Amino acid sequence: EFIEKTYELNRLGMKQITDGLTALGLEYIPSYGNFVTFKVPRAGEVFQQLLRDGVIVRPIASYGMPDHLRVSIGLESENARFLQSLKRIVS
């Protein structure tokens, strides 16, 4: 029961985030895990601005992807907060 509930929560969160990234016109790498990697102009600056907003994502420039960030799937409210901050920053 716990595994099913956790899987469903992650599936819905993944859809929420990928739909939000698509609405913002941002590309992402399809994922089957609990995170999404997405491409954003000025990724380093966006990372810093999100951090100032209290939203923690992971820069992955050290993996040879300087224009990408990685965000973990969270609760619906956490995902919404991430998308709201990201929209404000990239718009």
PDB file of N, CA and C in Angstrom:
ATOM      1  N   GLU A   1       0.833  -1.195   0.000  1.00  0.00           N
ATOM      2  CA  GLU A   1       0.000   0.000   0.000  1.00  0.00           C
ATOM      3  C   GLU A   1       0.876   1.257   0.000  1.00  0.00           C
ATOM      4  N   PHE A   2       1.912   1.279   0.835  1.00  0.00           N
ATOM      5  CA  PHE A   2       2.811   2.436   0.897  1.00  0.00           C
ATOM      6  C   PHE A   2       3.507   2.656  -0.447  1.00  0.00           C
ATOM      7  N   ILE A   3       3.992   1.581  -1.049  1.00  0.00           N
ATOM      8  CA  ILE A   3       4.695   1.688  -2.329  1.00  0.00           C
ATOM      9  C   ILE A   3       3.752   2.200  -3.412  1.00  0.00           C
ATOM     10  N   GLU A   4       2.545   1.691  -3.446  1.00  0.00           N
ATOM     11  CA  GLU A   4       1.570   2.149  -4.435  1.00  0.00           C
ATOM     12  C   GLU A   4       1.262   3.632  -4.257  1.00  0.00           C
ATOM     13  N   LYS A   5       1.082   4.055  -3.018  1.00  0.00           N
ATOM     14  CA  LYS A   5       0.769   5.461  -2.738  1.00  0.00           C
ATOM     15  C   LYS A   5       1.951   6.352  -3.126  1.00  0.00           C
ATOM     16  N   THR A   6       3.162   5.933  -2.800  1.00  0.00           N
ATOM     17  CA  THR A   6       4.361   6.700  -3.129  1.00  0.00           C
ATOM     18  C   THR A   6       4.554   6.790  -4.640  1.00  0.00           C
ATOM     19  N   TYR A   7       4.353   5.679  -5.336  1.00  0.00           N
ATOM     20  CA  TYR A   7       4.471   5.648  -6.791  1.00  0.00           C
ATOM     21  C   TYR A   7       3.475   6.616  -7.425  1.00  0.00           C
ATOM     22  N   GLU A   8       2.249   6.597  -6.974  1.00  0.00           N
ATOM     23  CA  GLU A   8       1.210   7.473  -7.524  1.00  0.00           C
ATOM     24  C   GLU A   8       1.529   8.938  -7.239  1.00  0.00           C
ATOM     25  N   LEU A   9       1.996   9.235  -6.051  1.00  0.00           N
ATOM     26  CA  LEU A   9       2.381  10.609  -5.704  1.00  0.00           C
ATOM     27  C   LEU A   9       3.485  11.096  -6.633  1.00  0.00           C
ATOM     28  N   ASN A  10       4.473  10.252  -6.882  1.00  0.00           N
ATOM     29  CA  ASN A  10       5.574  10.623  -7.768  1.00  0.00           C
ATOM     30  C   ASN A  10       5.081  10.788  -9.210  1.00  0.00           C
ATOM     31  N   ARG A  11       4.209   9.900  -9.654  1.00  0.00           N
ATOM     32  CA  ARG A  11       3.683   9.980 -11.019  1.00  0.00           C
ATOM     33  C   ARG A  11       2.913  11.280 -11.245  1.00  0.00           C
ATOM     34  N   LEU A  12       2.077  11.631 -10.282  1.00  0.00           N
ATOM     35  CA  LEU A  12       1.314  12.875 -10.393  1.00  0.00           C
ATOM     36  C   LEU A  12       2.223  14.097 -10.309  1.00  0.00           C
ATOM     37  N   GLY A  13       3.218  14.047  -9.431  1.00  0.00           N
ATOM     38  CA  GLY A  13       4.169  15.152  -9.313  1.00  0.00           C
ATOM     39  C   GLY A  13       4.991  15.328 -10.579  1.00  0.00           C
ATOM     40  N   MET A  14       5.384  14.218 -11.185  1.00  0.00           N
ATOM     41  CA  MET A  14       6.133  14.269 -12.442  1.00  0.00           C
ATOM     42  C   MET A  14       5.304  14.960 -13.521  1.00  0.00           C
ATOM     43  N   LYS A  15       4.037  14.587 -13.604  1.00  0.00           N
ATOM     44  CA  LYS A  15       3.147  15.209 -14.597  1.00  0.00           C
ATOM     45  C   LYS A  15       2.986  16.699 -14.312  1.00  0.00           C
ATOM     46  N   GLN A  16       2.805  17.052 -13.065  1.00  0.00           N
ATOM     47  CA  GLN A  16       2.642  18.455 -12.686  1.00  0.00           C
ATOM     48  C   GLN A  16       3.873  19.266 -13.120  1.00  0.00           C
ATOM     49  N   ILE A  17       5.050  18.755 -12.834  1.00  0.00           N
ATOM     50  CA  ILE A  17       6.273  19.488 -13.175  1.00  0.00           C
ATOM     51  C   ILE A  17       6.506  19.503 -14.680  1.00  0.00           C
ATOM     52  N   THR A  18       6.367  18.367 -15.349  1.00  0.00           N
ATOM     53  CA  THR A  18       6.631  18.364 -16.793  1.00  0.00           C
ATOM     54  C   THR A  18       5.591  19.197 -17.553  1.00  0.00           C
ATOM     55  N   ASP A  19       4.341  19.173 -17.115  1.00  0.00           N
ATOM     56  CA  ASP A  19       3.330  20.037 -17.731  1.00  0.00           C
ATOM     57  C   ASP A  19       3.691  21.511 -17.518  1.00  0.00           C
ATOM     58  N   GLY A  20       4.172  21.839 -16.320  1.00  0.00           N
ATOM     59  CA  GLY A  20       4.567  23.212 -16.023  1.00  0.00           C
ATOM     60  C   GLY A  20       5.765  23.660 -16.849  1.00  0.00           C
ATOM     61  N   LEU A  21       6.750  22.783 -16.995  1.00  0.00           N
ATOM     62  CA  LEU A  21       7.922  23.108 -17.814  1.00  0.00           C
ATOM     63  C   LEU A  21       7.509  23.314 -19.269  1.00  0.00           C
ATOM     64  N   THR A  22       6.632  22.452 -19.762  1.00  0.00           N
ATOM     65  CA  THR A  22       6.137  22.586 -21.131  1.00  0.00           C
ATOM     66  C   THR A  22       5.409  23.911 -21.311  1.00  0.00           C
ATOM     67  N   ALA A  23       4.579  24.284 -20.349  1.00  0.00           N
ATOM     68  CA  ALA A  23       3.845  25.551 -20.416  1.00  0.00           C
ATOM     69  C   ALA A  23       4.794  26.748 -20.444  1.00  0.00           C
ATOM     70  N   LEU A  24       5.962  26.593 -19.823  1.00  0.00           N
ATOM     71  CA  LEU A  24       6.963  27.667 -19.820  1.00  0.00           C
ATOM     72  C   LEU A  24       7.856  27.615 -21.060  1.00  0.00           C
ATOM     73  N   GLY A  25       7.637  26.629 -21.916  1.00  0.00           N
ATOM     74  CA  GLY A  25       8.432  26.496 -23.125  1.00  0.00           C
ATOM     75  C   GLY A  25       9.824  25.948 -22.888  1.00  0.00           C
ATOM     76  N   LEU A  26      10.007  25.224 -21.780  1.00  0.00           N
ATOM     77  CA  LEU A  26      11.316  24.679 -21.431  1.00  0.00           C
ATOM     78  C   LEU A  26      11.387  23.194 -21.782  1.00  0.00           C
ATOM     79  N   GLU A  27      12.522  22.782 -22.327  1.00  0.00           N
ATOM     80  CA  GLU A  27      12.748  21.381 -22.651  1.00  0.00           C
ATOM     81  C   GLU A  27      13.160  20.627 -21.388  1.00  0.00           C
ATOM     82  N   TYR A  28      12.814  19.347 -21.341  1.00  0.00           N
ATOM     83  CA  TYR A  28      13.242  18.498 -20.229  1.00  0.00           C
ATOM     84  C   TYR A  28      13.573  17.114 -20.761  1.00  0.00           C
ATOM     85  N   ILE A  29      14.347  16.395 -19.985  1.00  0.00           N
ATOM     86  CA  ILE A  29      14.714  15.028 -20.338  1.00  0.00           C
ATOM     87  C   ILE A  29      13.699  14.098 -19.678  1.00  0.00           C
ATOM     88  N   PRO A  30      13.009  13.272 -20.473  1.00  0.00           N
ATOM     89  CA  PRO A  30      12.046  12.339 -19.872  1.00  0.00           C
ATOM     90  C   PRO A  30      12.713  11.510 -18.766  1.00  0.00           C
ATOM     91  N   SER A  31      11.971  11.314 -17.689  1.00  0.00           N
ATOM     92  CA  SER A  31      12.525  10.640 -16.520  1.00  0.00           C
ATOM     93  C   SER A  31      11.534   9.627 -15.970  1.00  0.00           C
ATOM     94  N   TYR A  32      12.084   8.567 -15.403  1.00  0.00           N
ATOM     95  CA  TYR A  32      11.274   7.555 -14.724  1.00  0.00           C
ATOM     96  C   TYR A  32      11.643   7.478 -13.247  1.00  0.00           C
ATOM     97  N   GLY A  33      12.394   8.470 -12.787  1.00  0.00           N
ATOM     98  CA  GLY A  33      12.829   8.506 -11.393  1.00  0.00           C
ATOM     99  C   GLY A  33      12.001   9.498 -10.602  1.00  0.00           C
ATOM    100  N   ASN A  34      12.641  10.094  -9.624  1.00  0.00           N
ATOM    101  CA  ASN A  34      11.949  11.072  -8.781  1.00  0.00           C
ATOM    102  C   ASN A  34      12.501  12.479  -9.000  1.00  0.00           C
ATOM    103  N   PHE A  35      13.033  12.732 -10.186  1.00  0.00           N
ATOM    104  CA  PHE A  35      13.537  14.060 -10.526  1.00  0.00           C
ATOM    105  C   PHE A  35      13.407  14.285 -12.024  1.00  0.00           C
ATOM    106  N   VAL A  36      13.490  15.564 -12.413  1.00  0.00           N
ATOM    107  CA  VAL A  36      13.436  15.957 -13.822  1.00  0.00           C
ATOM    108  C   VAL A  36      14.607  16.889 -14.091  1.00  0.00           C
ATOM    109  N   THR A  37      15.306  16.644 -15.183  1.00  0.00           N
ATOM    110  CA  THR A  37      16.372  17.525 -15.641  1.00  0.00           C
ATOM    111  C   THR A  37      15.796  18.377 -16.759  1.00  0.00           C
ATOM    112  N   PHE A  38      15.981  19.693 -16.649  1.00  0.00           N
ATOM    113  CA  PHE A  38      15.417  20.594 -17.641  1.00  0.00           C
ATOM    114  C   PHE A  38      16.443  21.623 -18.086  1.00  0.00           C
ATOM    115  N   LYS A  39      16.256  22.092 -19.307  1.00  0.00           N
ATOM    116  CA  LYS A  39      17.159  23.066 -19.910  1.00  0.00           C
ATOM    117  C   LYS A  39      16.571  24.456 -19.725  1.00  0.00           C
ATOM    118  N   VAL A  40      17.414  25.370 -19.279  1.00  0.00           N
ATOM    119  CA  VAL A  40      16.960  26.738 -19.042  1.00  0.00           C
ATOM    120  C   VAL A  40      18.100  27.703 -19.371  1.00  0.00           C
ATOM    121  N   PRO A  41      17.802  28.770 -20.087  1.00  0.00           N
ATOM    122  CA  PRO A  41      18.854  29.755 -20.351  1.00  0.00           C
ATOM    123  C   PRO A  41      19.396  30.331 -19.044  1.00  0.00           C
ATOM    124  N   ARG A  42      20.692  30.591 -19.017  1.00  0.00           N
ATOM    125  CA  ARG A  42      21.352  31.169 -17.826  1.00  0.00           C
ATOM    126  C   ARG A  42      21.100  30.297 -16.591  1.00  0.00           C
ATOM    127  N   ALA A  43      21.314  29.003 -16.732  1.00  0.00           N
ATOM    128  CA  ALA A  43      21.000  28.047 -15.662  1.00  0.00           C
ATOM    129  C   ALA A  43      21.636  28.432 -14.329  1.00  0.00           C
ATOM    130  N   GLY A  44      22.869  28.904 -14.350  1.00  0.00           N
ATOM    131  CA  GLY A  44      23.536  29.293 -13.108  1.00  0.00           C
ATOM    132  C   GLY A  44      22.821  30.435 -12.410  1.00  0.00           C
ATOM    133  N   GLU A  45      22.401  31.431 -13.171  1.00  0.00           N
ATOM    134  CA  GLU A  45      21.664  32.565 -12.600  1.00  0.00           C
ATOM    135  C   GLU A  45      20.297  32.122 -12.089  1.00  0.00           C
ATOM    136  N   VAL A  46      19.626  31.280 -12.853  1.00  0.00           N
ATOM    137  CA  VAL A  46      18.306  30.780 -12.449  1.00  0.00           C
ATOM    138  C   VAL A  46      18.437  29.993 -11.149  1.00  0.00           C
ATOM    139  N   PHE A  47      19.483  29.168 -11.056  1.00  0.00           N
ATOM    140  CA  PHE A  47      19.738  28.413  -9.832  1.00  0.00           C
ATOM    141  C   PHE A  47      19.845  29.361  -8.630  1.00  0.00           C
ATOM    142  N   GLN A  48      20.632  30.417  -8.773  1.00  0.00           N
ATOM    143  CA  GLN A  48      20.829  31.370  -7.673  1.00  0.00           C
ATOM    144  C   GLN A  48      19.527  32.077  -7.310  1.00  0.00           C
ATOM    145  N   GLN A  49      18.746  32.456  -8.311  1.00  0.00           N
ATOM    146  CA  GLN A  49      17.476  33.130  -8.035  1.00  0.00           C
ATOM    147  C   GLN A  49      16.486  32.198  -7.347  1.00  0.00           C
ATOM    148  N   LEU A  50      16.432  30.948  -7.793  1.00  0.00           N
ATOM    149  CA  LEU A  50      15.560  29.985  -7.126  1.00  0.00           C
ATOM    150  C   LEU A  50      15.992  29.779  -5.679  1.00  0.00           C
ATOM    151  N   LEU A  51      17.285  29.700  -5.467  1.00  0.00           N
ATOM    152  CA  LEU A  51      17.821  29.528  -4.111  1.00  0.00           C
ATOM    153  C   LEU A  51      17.406  30.701  -3.220  1.00  0.00           C
ATOM    154  N   ARG A  52      17.487  31.913  -3.758  1.00  0.00           N
ATOM    155  CA  ARG A  52      17.054  33.096  -2.984  1.00  0.00           C
ATOM    156  C   ARG A  52      15.563  33.031  -2.655  1.00  0.00           C
ATOM    157  N   ASP A  53      14.795  32.362  -3.506  1.00  0.00           N
ATOM    158  CA  ASP A  53      13.357  32.179  -3.258  1.00  0.00           C
ATOM    159  C   ASP A  53      13.079  31.025  -2.300  1.00  0.00           C
ATOM    160  N   GLY A  54      14.137  30.328  -1.869  1.00  0.00           N
ATOM    161  CA  GLY A  54      13.959  29.195  -0.974  1.00  0.00           C
ATOM    162  C   GLY A  54      13.625  27.909  -1.694  1.00  0.00           C
ATOM    163  N   VAL A  55      13.867  27.875  -3.012  1.00  0.00           N
ATOM    164  CA  VAL A  55      13.599  26.687  -3.818  1.00  0.00           C
ATOM    165  C   VAL A  55      14.945  26.061  -4.178  1.00  0.00           C
ATOM    166  N   ILE A  56      15.141  24.828  -3.782  1.00  0.00           N
ATOM    167  CA  ILE A  56      16.428  24.172  -3.989  1.00  0.00           C
ATOM    168  C   ILE A  56      16.335  23.220  -5.173  1.00  0.00           C
ATOM    169  N   VAL A  57      17.162  23.481  -6.171  1.00  0.00           N
ATOM    170  CA  VAL A  57      17.332  22.590  -7.317  1.00  0.00           C
ATOM    171  C   VAL A  57      18.822  22.275  -7.395  1.00  0.00           C
ATOM    172  N   ARG A  58      19.185  21.417  -8.309  1.00  0.00           N
ATOM    173  CA  ARG A  58      20.595  21.018  -8.406  1.00  0.00           C
ATOM    174  C   ARG A  58      21.164  21.464  -9.751  1.00  0.00           C
ATOM    175  N   PRO A  59      22.217  22.285  -9.727  1.00  0.00           N
ATOM    176  CA  PRO A  59      22.899  22.596 -10.985  1.00  0.00           C
ATOM    177  C   PRO A  59      23.721  21.373 -11.403  1.00  0.00           C
ATOM    178  N   ILE A  60      23.761  21.102 -12.686  1.00  0.00           N
ATOM    179  CA  ILE A  60      24.490  19.917 -13.131  1.00  0.00           C
ATOM    180  C   ILE A  60      25.538  20.255 -14.189  1.00  0.00           C
ATOM    181  N   ALA A  61      26.077  21.463 -14.119  1.00  0.00           N
ATOM    182  CA  ALA A  61      27.141  21.870 -15.045  1.00  0.00           C
ATOM    183  C   ALA A  61      28.342  20.947 -14.935  1.00  0.00           C
ATOM    184  N   SER A  62      28.624  20.432 -13.749  1.00  0.00           N
ATOM    185  CA  SER A  62      29.774  19.542 -13.561  1.00  0.00           C
ATOM    186  C   SER A  62      29.597  18.203 -14.286  1.00  0.00           C
ATOM    187  N   TYR A  63      28.383  17.919 -14.739  1.00  0.00           N
ATOM    188  CA  TYR A  63      28.122  16.711 -15.524  1.00  0.00           C
ATOM    189  C   TYR A  63      28.181  17.007 -17.026  1.00  0.00           C
ATOM    190  N   GLY A  64      28.693  18.196 -17.369  1.00  0.00           N
ATOM    191  CA  GLY A  64      28.778  18.590 -18.765  1.00  0.00           C
ATOM    192  C   GLY A  64      27.473  19.135 -19.320  1.00  0.00           C
ATOM    193  N   MET A  65      26.594  19.579 -18.437  1.00  0.00           N
ATOM    194  CA  MET A  65      25.294  20.112 -18.849  1.00  0.00           C
ATOM    195  C   MET A  65      25.106  21.505 -18.240  1.00  0.00           C
ATOM    196  N   PRO A  66      25.848  22.491 -18.720  1.00  0.00           N
ATOM    197  CA  PRO A  66      25.825  23.815 -18.098  1.00  0.00           C
ATOM    198  C   PRO A  66      24.507  24.571 -18.232  1.00  0.00           C
ATOM    199  N   ASP A  67      23.662  24.162 -19.173  1.00  0.00           N
ATOM    200  CA  ASP A  67      22.382  24.838 -19.386  1.00  0.00           C
ATOM    201  C   ASP A  67      21.209  24.086 -18.773  1.00  0.00           C
ATOM    202  N   HIS A  68      21.516  23.170 -17.836  1.00  0.00           N
ATOM    203  CA  HIS A  68      20.467  22.341 -17.246  1.00  0.00           C
ATOM    204  C   HIS A  68      20.471  22.435 -15.720  1.00  0.00           C
ATOM    205  N   LEU A  69      19.282  22.229 -15.168  1.00  0.00           N
ATOM    206  CA  LEU A  69      19.090  22.091 -13.719  1.00  0.00           C
ATOM    207  C   LEU A  69      18.279  20.827 -13.491  1.00  0.00           C
ATOM    208  N   ARG A  70      18.357  20.300 -12.276  1.00  0.00           N
ATOM    209  CA  ARG A  70      17.603  19.102 -11.912  1.00  0.00           C
ATOM    210  C   ARG A  70      16.729  19.433 -10.714  1.00  0.00           C
ATOM    211  N   VAL A  71      15.476  19.069 -10.791  1.00  0.00           N
ATOM    212  CA  VAL A  71      14.544  19.302  -9.696  1.00  0.00           C
ATOM    213  C   VAL A  71      13.947  17.973  -9.256  1.00  0.00           C
ATOM    214  N   SER A  72      13.869  17.771  -7.959  1.00  0.00           N
ATOM    215  CA  SER A  72      13.247  16.565  -7.411  1.00  0.00           C
ATOM    216  C   SER A  72      11.742  16.747  -7.355  1.00  0.00           C
ATOM    217  N   ILE A  73      11.033  15.669  -7.538  1.00  0.00           N
ATOM    218  CA  ILE A  73       9.579  15.679  -7.421  1.00  0.00           C
ATOM    219  C   ILE A  73       9.236  15.777  -5.939  1.00  0.00           C
ATOM    220  N   GLY A  74       8.335  16.679  -5.617  1.00  0.00           N
ATOM    221  CA  GLY A  74       7.927  16.849  -4.229  1.00  0.00           C
ATOM    222  C   GLY A  74       6.424  16.692  -4.082  1.00  0.00           C
ATOM    223  N   LEU A  75       5.924  17.230  -3.015  1.00  0.00           N
ATOM    224  CA  LEU A  75       4.479  17.272  -2.805  1.00  0.00           C
ATOM    225  C   LEU A  75       3.866  18.263  -3.784  1.00  0.00           C
ATOM    226  N   GLU A  76       2.583  18.173  -4.017  1.00  0.00           N
ATOM    227  CA  GLU A  76       1.909  19.056  -4.969  1.00  0.00           C
ATOM    228  C   GLU A  76       2.198  20.526  -4.668  1.00  0.00           C
ATOM    229  N   SER A  77       2.135  20.907  -3.413  1.00  0.00           N
ATOM    230  CA  SER A  77       2.376  22.306  -3.040  1.00  0.00           C
ATOM    231  C   SER A  77       3.832  22.717  -3.281  1.00  0.00           C
ATOM    232  N   GLU A  78       4.759  21.806  -3.064  1.00  0.00           N
ATOM    233  CA  GLU A  78       6.181  22.096  -3.306  1.00  0.00           C
ATOM    234  C   GLU A  78       6.452  22.239  -4.801  1.00  0.00           C
ATOM    235  N   ASN A  79       5.859  21.367  -5.592  1.00  0.00           N
ATOM    236  CA  ASN A  79       6.009  21.460  -7.040  1.00  0.00           C
ATOM    237  C   ASN A  79       5.434  22.775  -7.559  1.00  0.00           C
ATOM    238  N   ALA A  80       4.279  23.156  -7.026  1.00  0.00           N
ATOM    239  CA  ALA A  80       3.638  24.408  -7.436  1.00  0.00           C
ATOM    240  C   ALA A  80       4.510  25.605  -7.084  1.00  0.00           C
ATOM    241  N   ARG A  81       5.118  25.570  -5.924  1.00  0.00           N
ATOM    242  CA  ARG A  81       5.995  26.676  -5.511  1.00  0.00           C
ATOM    243  C   ARG A  81       7.200  26.775  -6.436  1.00  0.00           C
ATOM    244  N   PHE A  82       7.806  25.637  -6.774  1.00  0.00           N
ATOM    245  CA  PHE A  82       8.914  25.621  -7.714  1.00  0.00           C
ATOM    246  C   PHE A  82       8.495  26.239  -9.044  1.00  0.00           C
ATOM    247  N   LEU A  83       7.366  25.784  -9.590  1.00  0.00           N
ATOM    248  CA  LEU A  83       6.919  26.278 -10.889  1.00  0.00           C
ATOM    249  C   LEU A  83       6.575  27.760 -10.847  1.00  0.00           C
ATOM    250  N   GLN A  84       5.996  28.208  -9.755  1.00  0.00           N
ATOM    251  CA  GLN A  84       5.660  29.624  -9.610  1.00  0.00           C
ATOM    252  C   GLN A  84       6.931  30.473  -9.599  1.00  0.00           C
ATOM    253  N   SER A  85       7.922  30.065  -8.838  1.00  0.00           N
ATOM    254  CA  SER A  85       9.188  30.805  -8.791  1.00  0.00           C
ATOM    255  C   SER A  85       9.882  30.765 -10.139  1.00  0.00           C
ATOM    256  N   LEU A  86       9.921  29.597 -10.762  1.00  0.00           N
ATOM    257  CA  LEU A  86      10.578  29.469 -12.058  1.00  0.00           C
ATOM    258  C   LEU A  86       9.900  30.359 -13.106  1.00  0.00           C
ATOM    259  N   LYS A  87       8.595  30.371 -13.100  1.00  0.00           N
ATOM    260  CA  LYS A  87       7.860  31.219 -14.051  1.00  0.00           C
ATOM    261  C   LYS A  87       8.215  32.683 -13.869  1.00  0.00           C
ATOM    262  N   ARG A  88       8.268  33.128 -12.646  1.00  0.00           N
ATOM    263  CA  ARG A  88       8.614  34.526 -12.371  1.00  0.00           C
ATOM    264  C   ARG A  88      10.017  34.847 -12.867  1.00  0.00           C
ATOM    265  N   ILE A  89      10.934  33.906 -12.716  1.00  0.00           N
ATOM    266  CA  ILE A  89      12.335  34.126 -13.080  1.00  0.00           C
ATOM    267  C   ILE A  89      12.554  34.112 -14.591  1.00  0.00           C
ATOM    268  N   VAL A  90      11.924  33.180 -15.286  1.00  0.00           N
ATOM    269  CA  VAL A  90      12.196  33.039 -16.721  1.00  0.00           C
ATOM    270  C   VAL A  90      11.261  33.869 -17.592  1.00  0.00           C
ATOM    271  N   SER A  91      10.219  34.425 -17.040  1.00  0.00           N
ATOM    272  CA  SER A  91       9.279  35.227 -17.844  1.00  0.00           C
ATOM    273  C   SER A  91       9.746  36.650 -18.008  1.00  0.00           C
TER     274      SER A  91
END
